[in-house]
Amino acid sequence: MTYRLISQKGSTTKNTKGITTLNILIILGFVVILAIFLIGNEQLVAKNYQLRDYEKQLSEHQELIGKLQIKQTEQSSLPVLEGVAKDLQLVVADNIKYLKEIQTSVAISPRLLP
């Protein structure tokens, strides 16, 4: 004689529906997590490209600064300044004489001040 419970017949259908629902929720959760990961990864890649562009601009600006410093040094060199002085007809001071320093204090009269 075989015994069978009648209530088990209905519970297997409920268990199957519950397992199916659980599987669907797990799959949807996985898809949501995957979407979040892909969006974050895409933003990271975009920031990386932006950083490379900034590094490229920085190196270009550093090269430009170096060139400008070289040009500034060339412009302030003595031969260039002497040439500019000649073009402007300025007198070149060859003999520079210095005054001896007096060790005493000197006061200026208020009448001489403007």
PDB file of N, CA and C in Angstrom:
ATOM      1  N   MET A   1       0.827  -1.141   0.000  1.00  0.00           N
ATOM      2  CA  MET A   1       0.000   0.000   0.000  1.00  0.00           C
ATOM      3  C   MET A   1       0.899   1.241   0.000  1.00  0.00           C
ATOM      4  N   THR A   2       0.568   2.182  -0.810  1.00  0.00           N
ATOM      5  CA  THR A   2       1.357   3.395  -0.982  1.00  0.00           C
ATOM      6  C   THR A   2       0.572   4.574  -0.426  1.00  0.00           C
ATOM      7  N   TYR A   3       1.303   5.371   0.327  1.00  0.00           N
ATOM      8  CA  TYR A   3       0.674   6.556   0.904  1.00  0.00           C
ATOM      9  C   TYR A   3       1.179   7.792   0.166  1.00  0.00           C
ATOM     10  N   ARG A   4       0.254   8.595  -0.132  1.00  0.00           N
ATOM     11  CA  ARG A   4       0.609   9.833  -0.812  1.00  0.00           C
ATOM     12  C   ARG A   4      -0.196  10.964  -0.172  1.00  0.00           C
ATOM     13  N   LEU A   5       0.518  12.080   0.050  1.00  0.00           N
ATOM     14  CA  LEU A   5      -0.161  13.231   0.610  1.00  0.00           C
ATOM     15  C   LEU A   5      -0.737  14.074  -0.508  1.00  0.00           C
ATOM     16  N   ILE A   6      -1.924  14.478  -0.333  1.00  0.00           N
ATOM     17  CA  ILE A   6      -2.595  15.275  -1.361  1.00  0.00           C
ATOM     18  C   ILE A   6      -2.043  16.698  -1.383  1.00  0.00           C
ATOM     19  N   SER A   7      -1.614  17.190  -0.244  1.00  0.00           N
ATOM     20  CA  SER A   7      -1.140  18.573  -0.166  1.00  0.00           C
ATOM     21  C   SER A   7       0.185  18.774  -0.911  1.00  0.00           C
ATOM     22  N   GLN A   8       0.967  17.731  -1.109  1.00  0.00           N
ATOM     23  CA  GLN A   8       2.248  17.870  -1.816  1.00  0.00           C
ATOM     24  C   GLN A   8       2.044  18.161  -3.283  1.00  0.00           C
ATOM     25  N   LYS A   9       0.994  17.702  -3.843  1.00  0.00           N
ATOM     26  CA  LYS A   9       0.735  17.912  -5.261  1.00  0.00           C
ATOM     27  C   LYS A   9       0.604  19.402  -5.570  1.00  0.00           C
ATOM     28  N   GLY A  10      -0.069  20.157  -4.792  1.00  0.00           N
ATOM     29  CA  GLY A  10      -0.224  21.595  -4.985  1.00  0.00           C
ATOM     30  C   GLY A  10       1.034  22.367  -4.626  1.00  0.00           C
ATOM     31  N   SER A  11       1.823  21.896  -3.686  1.00  0.00           N
ATOM     32  CA  SER A  11       3.012  22.615  -3.246  1.00  0.00           C
ATOM     33  C   SER A  11       4.124  22.547  -4.274  1.00  0.00           C
ATOM     34  N   THR A  12       4.217  21.512  -5.082  1.00  0.00           N
ATOM     35  CA  THR A  12       5.249  21.450  -6.116  1.00  0.00           C
ATOM     36  C   THR A  12       5.018  22.506  -7.176  1.00  0.00           C
ATOM     37  N   THR A  13       3.803  22.829  -7.467  1.00  0.00           N
ATOM     38  CA  THR A  13       3.509  23.893  -8.432  1.00  0.00           C
ATOM     39  C   THR A  13       3.912  25.241  -7.857  1.00  0.00           C
ATOM     40  N   LYS A  14       3.635  25.455  -6.570  1.00  0.00           N
ATOM     41  CA  LYS A  14       4.023  26.700  -5.923  1.00  0.00           C
ATOM     42  C   LYS A  14       5.542  26.807  -5.840  1.00  0.00           C
ATOM     43  N   ASN A  15       6.226  25.727  -5.537  1.00  0.00           N
ATOM     44  CA  ASN A  15       7.690  25.739  -5.466  1.00  0.00           C
ATOM     45  C   ASN A  15       8.303  26.046  -6.824  1.00  0.00           C
ATOM     46  N   THR A  16       7.733  25.493  -7.876  1.00  0.00           N
ATOM     47  CA  THR A  16       8.250  25.735  -9.225  1.00  0.00           C
ATOM     48  C   THR A  16       8.077  27.208  -9.596  1.00  0.00           C
ATOM     49  N   LYS A  17       6.922  27.775  -9.267  1.00  0.00           N
ATOM     50  CA  LYS A  17       6.697  29.196  -9.566  1.00  0.00           C
ATOM     51  C   LYS A  17       7.646  30.075  -8.733  1.00  0.00           C
ATOM     52  N   GLY A  18       7.874  29.713  -7.489  1.00  0.00           N
ATOM     53  CA  GLY A  18       8.770  30.480  -6.627  1.00  0.00           C
ATOM     54  C   GLY A  18      10.210  30.419  -7.114  1.00  0.00           C
ATOM     55  N   ILE A  19      10.631  29.239  -7.542  1.00  0.00           N
ATOM     56  CA  ILE A  19      12.000  29.077  -8.065  1.00  0.00           C
ATOM     57  C   ILE A  19      12.162  29.858  -9.357  1.00  0.00           C
ATOM     58  N   THR A  20      11.157  29.827 -10.218  1.00  0.00           N
ATOM     59  CA  THR A  20      11.210  30.573 -11.482  1.00  0.00           C
ATOM     60  C   THR A  20      11.282  32.084 -11.201  1.00  0.00           C
ATOM     61  N   THR A  21      10.477  32.549 -10.273  1.00  0.00           N
ATOM     62  CA  THR A  21      10.502  33.964  -9.910  1.00  0.00           C
ATOM     63  C   THR A  21      11.857  34.349  -9.333  1.00  0.00           C
ATOM     64  N   LEU A  22      12.405  33.501  -8.483  1.00  0.00           N
ATOM     65  CA  LEU A  22      13.713  33.754  -7.901  1.00  0.00           C
ATOM     66  C   LEU A  22      14.796  33.799  -8.977  1.00  0.00           C
ATOM     67  N   ASN A  23      14.730  32.875  -9.930  1.00  0.00           N
ATOM     68  CA  ASN A  23      15.706  32.863 -11.034  1.00  0.00           C
ATOM     69  C   ASN A  23      15.609  34.139 -11.867  1.00  0.00           C
ATOM     70  N   ILE A  24      14.384  34.595 -12.118  1.00  0.00           N
ATOM     71  CA  ILE A  24      14.196  35.822 -12.901  1.00  0.00           C
ATOM     72  C   ILE A  24      14.763  37.021 -12.139  1.00  0.00           C
ATOM     73  N   LEU A  25      14.503  37.080 -10.834  1.00  0.00           N
ATOM     74  CA  LEU A  25      15.037  38.178 -10.020  1.00  0.00           C
ATOM     75  C   LEU A  25      16.562  38.156  -9.976  1.00  0.00           C
ATOM     76  N   ILE A  26      17.154  36.995  -9.886  1.00  0.00           N
ATOM     77  CA  ILE A  26      18.618  36.885  -9.891  1.00  0.00           C
ATOM     78  C   ILE A  26      19.185  37.359 -11.221  1.00  0.00           C
ATOM     79  N   ILE A  27      18.548  36.955 -12.315  1.00  0.00           N
ATOM     80  CA  ILE A  27      19.017  37.368 -13.646  1.00  0.00           C
ATOM     81  C   ILE A  27      18.872  38.878 -13.804  1.00  0.00           C
ATOM     82  N   LEU A  28      17.739  39.448 -13.370  1.00  0.00           N
ATOM     83  CA  LEU A  28      17.549  40.898 -13.455  1.00  0.00           C
ATOM     84  C   LEU A  28      18.563  41.647 -12.579  1.00  0.00           C
ATOM     85  N   GLY A  29      18.822  41.122 -11.405  1.00  0.00           N
ATOM     86  CA  GLY A  29      19.838  41.725 -10.538  1.00  0.00           C
ATOM     87  C   GLY A  29      21.208  41.699 -11.187  1.00  0.00           C
ATOM     88  N   PHE A  30      21.539  40.594 -11.814  1.00  0.00           N
ATOM     89  CA  PHE A  30      22.820  40.484 -12.517  1.00  0.00           C
ATOM     90  C   PHE A  30      22.899  41.493 -13.656  1.00  0.00           C
ATOM     91  N   VAL A  31      21.812  41.659 -14.399  1.00  0.00           N
ATOM     92  CA  VAL A  31      21.784  42.608 -15.517  1.00  0.00           C
ATOM     93  C   VAL A  31      21.948  44.037 -14.992  1.00  0.00           C
ATOM     94  N   VAL A  32      21.295  44.366 -13.877  1.00  0.00           N
ATOM     95  CA  VAL A  32      21.419  45.706 -13.310  1.00  0.00           C
ATOM     96  C   VAL A  32      22.856  45.958 -12.846  1.00  0.00           C
ATOM     97  N   ILE A  33      23.442  45.000 -12.171  1.00  0.00           N
ATOM     98  CA  ILE A  33      24.833  45.148 -11.719  1.00  0.00           C
ATOM     99  C   ILE A  33      25.774  45.273 -12.910  1.00  0.00           C
ATOM    100  N   LEU A  34      25.528  44.497 -13.951  1.00  0.00           N
ATOM    101  CA  LEU A  34      26.347  44.579 -15.166  1.00  0.00           C
ATOM    102  C   LEU A  34      26.214  45.955 -15.815  1.00  0.00           C
ATOM    103  N   ALA A  35      24.996  46.513 -15.861  1.00  0.00           N
ATOM    104  CA  ALA A  35      24.786  47.836 -16.456  1.00  0.00           C
ATOM    105  C   ALA A  35      25.523  48.899 -15.644  1.00  0.00           C
ATOM    106  N   ILE A  36      25.456  48.815 -14.316  1.00  0.00           N
ATOM    107  CA  ILE A  36      26.159  49.773 -13.460  1.00  0.00           C
ATOM    108  C   ILE A  36      27.663  49.676 -13.688  1.00  0.00           C
ATOM    109  N   PHE A  37      28.176  48.467 -13.794  1.00  0.00           N
ATOM    110  CA  PHE A  37      29.606  48.274 -14.041  1.00  0.00           C
ATOM    111  C   PHE A  37      30.018  48.869 -15.387  1.00  0.00           C
ATOM    112  N   LEU A  38      29.222  48.627 -16.426  1.00  0.00           N
ATOM    113  CA  LEU A  38      29.562  49.136 -17.751  1.00  0.00           C
ATOM    114  C   LEU A  38      29.519  50.662 -17.797  1.00  0.00           C
ATOM    115  N   ILE A  39      28.550  51.264 -17.133  1.00  0.00           N
ATOM    116  CA  ILE A  39      28.463  52.732 -17.105  1.00  0.00           C
ATOM    117  C   ILE A  39      29.676  53.307 -16.369  1.00  0.00           C
ATOM    118  N   GLY A  40      30.027  52.718 -15.238  1.00  0.00           N
ATOM    119  CA  GLY A  40      31.208  53.188 -14.505  1.00  0.00           C
ATOM    120  C   GLY A  40      32.481  53.012 -15.301  1.00  0.00           C
ATOM    121  N   ASN A  41      32.594  51.900 -15.996  1.00  0.00           N
ATOM    122  CA  ASN A  41      33.775  51.636 -16.811  1.00  0.00           C
ATOM    123  C   ASN A  41      33.872  52.634 -17.959  1.00  0.00           C
ATOM    124  N   GLU A  42      32.731  52.963 -18.570  1.00  0.00           N
ATOM    125  CA  GLU A  42      32.720  53.917 -19.667  1.00  0.00           C
ATOM    126  C   GLU A  42      33.154  55.303 -19.180  1.00  0.00           C
ATOM    127  N   GLN A  43      32.698  55.697 -18.006  1.00  0.00           N
ATOM    128  CA  GLN A  43      33.106  56.987 -17.449  1.00  0.00           C
ATOM    129  C   GLN A  43      34.603  56.997 -17.138  1.00  0.00           C
ATOM    130  N   LEU A  44      35.121  55.888 -16.656  1.00  0.00           N
ATOM    131  CA  LEU A  44      36.548  55.789 -16.358  1.00  0.00           C
ATOM    132  C   LEU A  44      37.385  55.918 -17.634  1.00  0.00           C
ATOM    133  N   VAL A  45      36.946  55.272 -18.699  1.00  0.00           N
ATOM    134  CA  VAL A  45      37.663  55.361 -19.972  1.00  0.00           C
ATOM    135  C   VAL A  45      37.610  56.789 -20.508  1.00  0.00           C
ATOM    136  N   ALA A  46      36.452  57.446 -20.383  1.00  0.00           N
ATOM    137  CA  ALA A  46      36.329  58.830 -20.845  1.00  0.00           C
ATOM    138  C   ALA A  46      37.265  59.744 -20.059  1.00  0.00           C
ATOM    139  N   LYS A  47      37.354  59.560 -18.758  1.00  0.00           N
ATOM    140  CA  LYS A  47      38.272  60.369 -17.935  1.00  0.00           C
ATOM    141  C   LYS A  47      39.720  60.101 -18.328  1.00  0.00           C
ATOM    142  N   ASN A  48      40.038  58.857 -18.669  1.00  0.00           N
ATOM    143  CA  ASN A  48      41.401  58.508 -19.072  1.00  0.00           C
ATOM    144  C   ASN A  48      41.782  59.244 -20.355  1.00  0.00           C
ATOM    145  N   TYR A  49      40.870  59.271 -21.337  1.00  0.00           N
ATOM    146  CA  TYR A  49      41.150  59.999 -22.572  1.00  0.00           C
ATOM    147  C   TYR A  49      41.287  61.497 -22.304  1.00  0.00           C
ATOM    148  N   GLN A  50      40.456  62.031 -21.428  1.00  0.00           N
ATOM    149  CA  GLN A  50      40.533  63.443 -21.082  1.00  0.00           C
ATOM    150  C   GLN A  50      41.868  63.743 -20.406  1.00  0.00           C
ATOM    151  N   LEU A  51      42.322  62.857 -19.542  1.00  0.00           N
ATOM    152  CA  LEU A  51      43.611  63.032 -18.869  1.00  0.00           C
ATOM    153  C   LEU A  51      44.757  63.007 -19.875  1.00  0.00           C
ATOM    154  N   ARG A  52      44.686  62.116 -20.847  1.00  0.00           N
ATOM    155  CA  ARG A  52      45.731  62.070 -21.886  1.00  0.00           C
ATOM    156  C   ARG A  52      45.760  63.363 -22.684  1.00  0.00           C
ATOM    157  N   ASP A  53      44.583  63.921 -22.986  1.00  0.00           N
ATOM    158  CA  ASP A  53      44.540  65.193 -23.709  1.00  0.00           C
ATOM    159  C   ASP A  53      45.180  66.304 -22.887  1.00  0.00           C
ATOM    160  N   TYR A  54      44.901  66.330 -21.584  1.00  0.00           N
ATOM    161  CA  TYR A  54      45.492  67.341 -20.718  1.00  0.00           C
ATOM    162  C   TYR A  54      47.011  67.174 -20.639  1.00  0.00           C
ATOM    163  N   GLU A  55      47.478  65.947 -20.577  1.00  0.00           N
ATOM    164  CA  GLU A  55      48.928  65.707 -20.544  1.00  0.00           C
ATOM    165  C   GLU A  55      49.577  66.172 -21.838  1.00  0.00           C
ATOM    166  N   LYS A  56      48.906  65.938 -22.962  1.00  0.00           N
ATOM    167  CA  LYS A  56      49.427  66.373 -24.253  1.00  0.00           C
ATOM    168  C   LYS A  56      49.487  67.904 -24.309  1.00  0.00           C
ATOM    169  N   GLN A  57      48.427  68.566 -23.850  1.00  0.00           N
ATOM    170  CA  GLN A  57      48.424  70.028 -23.825  1.00  0.00           C
ATOM    171  C   GLN A  57      49.515  70.563 -22.903  1.00  0.00           C
ATOM    172  N   LEU A  58      49.712  69.897 -21.764  1.00  0.00           N
ATOM    173  CA  LEU A  58      50.741  70.314 -20.819  1.00  0.00           C
ATOM    174  C   LEU A  58      52.128  70.220 -21.448  1.00  0.00           C
ATOM    175  N   SER A  59      52.400  69.127 -22.146  1.00  0.00           N
ATOM    176  CA  SER A  59      53.719  68.988 -22.774  1.00  0.00           C
ATOM    177  C   SER A  59      53.914  70.031 -23.874  1.00  0.00           C
ATOM    178  N   GLU A  60      52.842  70.344 -24.623  1.00  0.00           N
ATOM    179  CA  GLU A  60      52.953  71.377 -25.656  1.00  0.00           C
ATOM    180  C   GLU A  60      53.232  72.745 -25.026  1.00  0.00           C
ATOM    181  N   HIS A  61      52.548  73.032 -23.919  1.00  0.00           N
ATOM    182  CA  HIS A  61      52.768  74.312 -23.250  1.00  0.00           C
ATOM    183  C   HIS A  61      54.175  74.389 -22.644  1.00  0.00           C
ATOM    184  N   GLN A  62      54.676  73.273 -22.136  1.00  0.00           N
ATOM    185  CA  GLN A  62      56.028  73.265 -21.585  1.00  0.00           C
ATOM    186  C   GLN A  62      57.058  73.515 -22.683  1.00  0.00           C
ATOM    187  N   GLU A  63      56.831  72.934 -23.866  1.00  0.00           N
ATOM    188  CA  GLU A  63      57.737  73.186 -24.986  1.00  0.00           C
ATOM    189  C   GLU A  63      57.693  74.663 -25.382  1.00  0.00           C
ATOM    190  N   LEU A  64      56.489  75.231 -25.408  1.00  0.00           N
ATOM    191  CA  LEU A  64      56.341  76.644 -25.758  1.00  0.00           C
ATOM    192  C   LEU A  64      57.025  77.531 -24.724  1.00  0.00           C
ATOM    193  N   ILE A  65      56.877  77.201 -23.459  1.00  0.00           N
ATOM    194  CA  ILE A  65      57.531  77.968 -22.396  1.00  0.00           C
ATOM    195  C   ILE A  65      59.049  77.887 -22.547  1.00  0.00           C
ATOM    196  N   GLY A  66      59.562  76.710 -22.866  1.00  0.00           N
ATOM    197  CA  GLY A  66      61.006  76.555 -23.080  1.00  0.00           C
ATOM    198  C   GLY A  66      61.497  77.416 -24.233  1.00  0.00           C
ATOM    199  N   LYS A  67      60.742  77.420 -25.342  1.00  0.00           N
ATOM    200  CA  LYS A  67      61.125  78.234 -26.496  1.00  0.00           C
ATOM    201  C   LYS A  67      61.096  79.722 -26.149  1.00  0.00           C
ATOM    202  N   LEU A  68      60.066  80.124 -25.390  1.00  0.00           N
ATOM    203  CA  LEU A  68      59.967  81.533 -25.010  1.00  0.00           C
ATOM    204  C   LEU A  68      61.091  81.939 -24.063  1.00  0.00           C
ATOM    205  N   GLN A  69      61.490  81.047 -23.182  1.00  0.00           N
ATOM    206  CA  GLN A  69      62.599  81.353 -22.285  1.00  0.00           C
ATOM    207  C   GLN A  69      63.896  81.499 -23.063  1.00  0.00           C
ATOM    208  N   ILE A  70      64.096  80.647 -24.056  1.00  0.00           N
ATOM    209  CA  ILE A  70      65.302  80.761 -24.900  1.00  0.00           C
ATOM    210  C   ILE A  70      65.279  82.088 -25.655  1.00  0.00           C
ATOM    211  N   LYS A  71      64.112  82.447 -26.197  1.00  0.00           N
ATOM    212  CA  LYS A  71      64.007  83.704 -26.935  1.00  0.00           C
ATOM    213  C   LYS A  71      64.239  84.894 -26.007  1.00  0.00           C
ATOM    214  N   GLN A  72      63.704  84.817 -24.798  1.00  0.00           N
ATOM    215  CA  GLN A  72      63.916  85.899 -23.837  1.00  0.00           C
ATOM    216  C   GLN A  72      65.395  86.037 -23.491  1.00  0.00           C
ATOM    217  N   THR A  73      66.074  84.917 -23.317  1.00  0.00           N
ATOM    218  CA  THR A  73      67.507  84.949 -23.012  1.00  0.00           C
ATOM    219  C   THR A  73      68.291  85.540 -24.170  1.00  0.00           C
ATOM    220  N   GLU A  74      67.918  85.160 -25.392  1.00  0.00           N
ATOM    221  CA  GLU A  74      68.597  85.716 -26.560  1.00  0.00           C
ATOM    222  C   GLU A  74      68.368  87.220 -26.669  1.00  0.00           C
ATOM    223  N   GLN A  75      67.121  87.666 -26.397  1.00  0.00           N
ATOM    224  CA  GLN A  75      66.808  89.088 -26.511  1.00  0.00           C
ATOM    225  C   GLN A  75      67.516  89.919 -25.443  1.00  0.00           C
ATOM    226  N   SER A  76      67.773  89.325 -24.294  1.00  0.00           N
ATOM    227  CA  SER A  76      68.420  90.087 -23.223  1.00  0.00           C
ATOM    228  C   SER A  76      69.931  89.889 -23.206  1.00  0.00           C
ATOM    229  N   SER A  77      70.480  89.249 -24.227  1.00  0.00           N
ATOM    230  CA  SER A  77      71.937  89.057 -24.272  1.00  0.00           C
ATOM    231  C   SER A  77      72.623  90.376 -24.623  1.00  0.00           C
ATOM    232  N   LEU A  78      73.876  90.467 -24.270  1.00  0.00           N
ATOM    233  CA  LEU A  78      74.631  91.710 -24.429  1.00  0.00           C
ATOM    234  C   LEU A  78      74.751  92.165 -25.889  1.00  0.00           C
ATOM    235  N   PRO A  79      75.041  91.281 -26.865  1.00  0.00           N
ATOM    236  CA  PRO A  79      75.133  91.771 -28.251  1.00  0.00           C
ATOM    237  C   PRO A  79      73.814  92.353 -28.765  1.00  0.00           C
ATOM    238  N   VAL A  80      72.720  91.780 -28.388  1.00  0.00           N
ATOM    239  CA  VAL A  80      71.429  92.302 -28.841  1.00  0.00           C
ATOM    240  C   VAL A  80      71.153  93.650 -28.200  1.00  0.00           C
ATOM    241  N   LEU A  81      71.468  93.764 -26.912  1.00  0.00           N
ATOM    242  CA  LEU A  81      71.248  95.033 -26.233  1.00  0.00           C
ATOM    243  C   LEU A  81      72.152  96.132 -26.794  1.00  0.00           C
ATOM    244  N   GLU A  82      73.388  95.785 -27.136  1.00  0.00           N
ATOM    245  CA  GLU A  82      74.282  96.776 -27.746  1.00  0.00           C
ATOM    246  C   GLU A  82      73.759  97.210 -29.111  1.00  0.00           C
ATOM    247  N   GLY A  83      73.219  96.256 -29.881  1.00  0.00           N
ATOM    248  CA  GLY A  83      72.645  96.608 -31.187  1.00  0.00           C
ATOM    249  C   GLY A  83      71.437  97.512 -31.043  1.00  0.00           C
ATOM    250  N   VAL A  84      70.603  97.252 -30.056  1.00  0.00           N
ATOM    251  CA  VAL A  84      69.439  98.104 -29.815  1.00  0.00           C
ATOM    252  C   VAL A  84      69.897  99.496 -29.370  1.00  0.00           C
ATOM    253  N   ALA A  85      70.927  99.552 -28.560  1.00  0.00           N
ATOM    254  CA  ALA A  85      71.454 100.848 -28.105  1.00  0.00           C
ATOM    255  C   ALA A  85      71.982 101.657 -29.284  1.00  0.00           C
ATOM    256  N   LYS A  86      72.630 100.997 -30.225  1.00  0.00           N
ATOM    257  CA  LYS A  86      73.133 101.709 -31.410  1.00  0.00           C
ATOM    258  C   LYS A  86      71.977 102.179 -32.281  1.00  0.00           C
ATOM    259  N   ASP A  87      70.945 101.344 -32.419  1.00  0.00           N
ATOM    260  CA  ASP A  87      69.784 101.725 -33.231  1.00  0.00           C
ATOM    261  C   ASP A  87      69.058 102.927 -32.639  1.00  0.00           C
ATOM    262  N   LEU A  88      69.032 103.016 -31.330  1.00  0.00           N
ATOM    263  CA  LEU A  88      68.360 104.138 -30.669  1.00  0.00           C
ATOM    264  C   LEU A  88      69.295 105.316 -30.441  1.00  0.00           C
ATOM    265  N   GLN A  89      70.520 105.188 -30.923  1.00  0.00           N
ATOM    266  CA  GLN A  89      71.551 106.218 -30.802  1.00  0.00           C
ATOM    267  C   GLN A  89      71.799 106.580 -29.338  1.00  0.00           C
ATOM    268  N   LEU A  90      71.904 105.581 -28.528  1.00  0.00           N
ATOM    269  CA  LEU A  90      72.233 105.776 -27.118  1.00  0.00           C
ATOM    270  C   LEU A  90      73.742 105.756 -26.947  1.00  0.00           C
ATOM    271  N   VAL A  91      74.213 106.424 -25.926  1.00  0.00           N
ATOM    272  CA  VAL A  91      75.643 106.492 -25.657  1.00  0.00           C
ATOM    273  C   VAL A  91      76.027 105.266 -24.840  1.00  0.00           C
ATOM    274  N   VAL A  92      77.081 104.593 -25.271  1.00  0.00           N
ATOM    275  CA  VAL A  92      77.557 103.432 -24.557  1.00  0.00           C
ATOM    276  C   VAL A  92      78.528 103.892 -23.483  1.00  0.00           C
ATOM    277  N   ALA A  93      78.300 103.462 -22.295  1.00  0.00           N
ATOM    278  CA  ALA A  93      79.162 103.854 -21.177  1.00  0.00           C
ATOM    279  C   ALA A  93      80.294 102.848 -21.064  1.00  0.00           C
ATOM    280  N   ASP A  94      81.486 103.270 -21.495  1.00  0.00           N
ATOM    281  CA  ASP A  94      82.640 102.371 -21.429  1.00  0.00           C
ATOM    282  C   ASP A  94      83.400 102.554 -20.121  1.00  0.00           C
ATOM    283  N   ASN A  95      83.607 103.798 -19.745  1.00  0.00           N
ATOM    284  CA  ASN A  95      84.351 104.096 -18.513  1.00  0.00           C
ATOM    285  C   ASN A  95      83.358 104.491 -17.427  1.00  0.00           C
ATOM    286  N   ILE A  96      83.201 103.630 -16.486  1.00  0.00           N
ATOM    287  CA  ILE A  96      82.293 103.905 -15.382  1.00  0.00           C
ATOM    288  C   ILE A  96      83.144 104.290 -14.186  1.00  0.00           C
ATOM    289  N   LYS A  97      82.847 105.420 -13.596  1.00  0.00           N
ATOM    290  CA  LYS A  97      83.568 105.882 -12.415  1.00  0.00           C
ATOM    291  C   LYS A  97      82.571 105.966 -11.268  1.00  0.00           C
ATOM    292  N   TYR A  98      83.016 105.513 -10.148  1.00  0.00           N
ATOM    293  CA  TYR A  98      82.173 105.522  -8.960  1.00  0.00           C
ATOM    294  C   TYR A  98      82.657 106.595  -8.005  1.00  0.00           C
ATOM    295  N   LEU A  99      81.731 107.182  -7.281  1.00  0.00           N
ATOM    296  CA  LEU A  99      82.086 108.175  -6.273  1.00  0.00           C
ATOM    297  C   LEU A  99      82.465 107.459  -4.992  1.00  0.00           C
ATOM    298  N   LYS A 100      83.382 108.077  -4.285  1.00  0.00           N
ATOM    299  CA  LYS A 100      83.753 107.503  -2.994  1.00  0.00           C
ATOM    300  C   LYS A 100      82.632 107.768  -2.004  1.00  0.00           C
ATOM    301  N   GLU A 101      82.396 106.816  -1.163  1.00  0.00           N
ATOM    302  CA  GLU A 101      81.328 106.944  -0.176  1.00  0.00           C
ATOM    303  C   GLU A 101      81.816 107.790   0.988  1.00  0.00           C
ATOM    304  N   ILE A 102      81.003 108.715   1.387  1.00  0.00           N
ATOM    305  CA  ILE A 102      81.332 109.566   2.521  1.00  0.00           C
ATOM    306  C   ILE A 102      80.757 108.908   3.758  1.00  0.00           C
ATOM    307  N   GLN A 103      81.551 108.849   4.792  1.00  0.00           N
ATOM    308  CA  GLN A 103      81.153 108.165   6.017  1.00  0.00           C
ATOM    309  C   GLN A 103      80.316 109.037   6.941  1.00  0.00           C
ATOM    310  N   THR A 104      80.050 110.262   6.552  1.00  0.00           N
ATOM    311  CA  THR A 104      79.281 111.148   7.418  1.00  0.00           C
ATOM    312  C   THR A 104      77.834 111.203   6.946  1.00  0.00           C
ATOM    313  N   SER A 105      76.979 111.598   7.857  1.00  0.00           N
ATOM    314  CA  SER A 105      75.570 111.733   7.520  1.00  0.00           C
ATOM    315  C   SER A 105      75.325 113.057   6.832  1.00  0.00           C
ATOM    316  N   VAL A 106      74.378 113.075   5.930  1.00  0.00           N
ATOM    317  CA  VAL A 106      74.058 114.284   5.188  1.00  0.00           C
ATOM    318  C   VAL A 106      72.573 114.540   5.372  1.00  0.00           C
ATOM    319  N   ALA A 107      72.230 115.776   5.679  1.00  0.00           N
ATOM    320  CA  ALA A 107      70.824 116.154   5.833  1.00  0.00           C
ATOM    321  C   ALA A 107      70.458 117.109   4.715  1.00  0.00           C
ATOM    322  N   ILE A 108      69.233 116.994   4.235  1.00  0.00           N
ATOM    323  CA  ILE A 108      68.763 117.886   3.183  1.00  0.00           C
ATOM    324  C   ILE A 108      67.895 118.965   3.811  1.00  0.00           C
ATOM    325  N   SER A 109      68.146 120.157   3.379  1.00  0.00           N
ATOM    326  CA  SER A 109      67.408 121.294   3.902  1.00  0.00           C
ATOM    327  C   SER A 109      65.965 121.237   3.373  1.00  0.00           C
ATOM    328  N   PRO A 110      64.978 121.542   4.200  1.00  0.00           N
ATOM    329  CA  PRO A 110      63.593 121.507   3.750  1.00  0.00           C
ATOM    330  C   PRO A 110      63.325 122.503   2.643  1.00  0.00           C
ATOM    331  N   ARG A 111      64.140 123.521   2.512  1.00  0.00           N
ATOM    332  CA  ARG A 111      63.935 124.515   1.450  1.00  0.00           C
ATOM    333  C   ARG A 111      64.226 123.908   0.075  1.00  0.00           C
ATOM    334  N   LEU A 112      65.078 122.880   0.017  1.00  0.00           N
ATOM    335  CA  LEU A 112      65.460 122.296  -1.257  1.00  0.00           C
ATOM    336  C   LEU A 112      64.465 121.243  -1.748  1.00  0.00           C
ATOM    337  N   LEU A 113      63.606 120.805  -0.859  1.00  0.00           N
ATOM    338  CA  LEU A 113      62.621 119.791  -1.269  1.00  0.00           C
ATOM    339  C   LEU A 113      61.505 120.440  -2.065  1.00  0.00           C
ATOM    340  N   PRO A 114      60.979 119.755  -3.034  1.00  0.00           N
ATOM    341  CA  PRO A 114      59.899 120.359  -3.859  1.00  0.00           C
ATOM    342  C   PRO A 114      58.600 120.465  -3.102  1.00  0.00           C
TER     343      PRO A 114
END
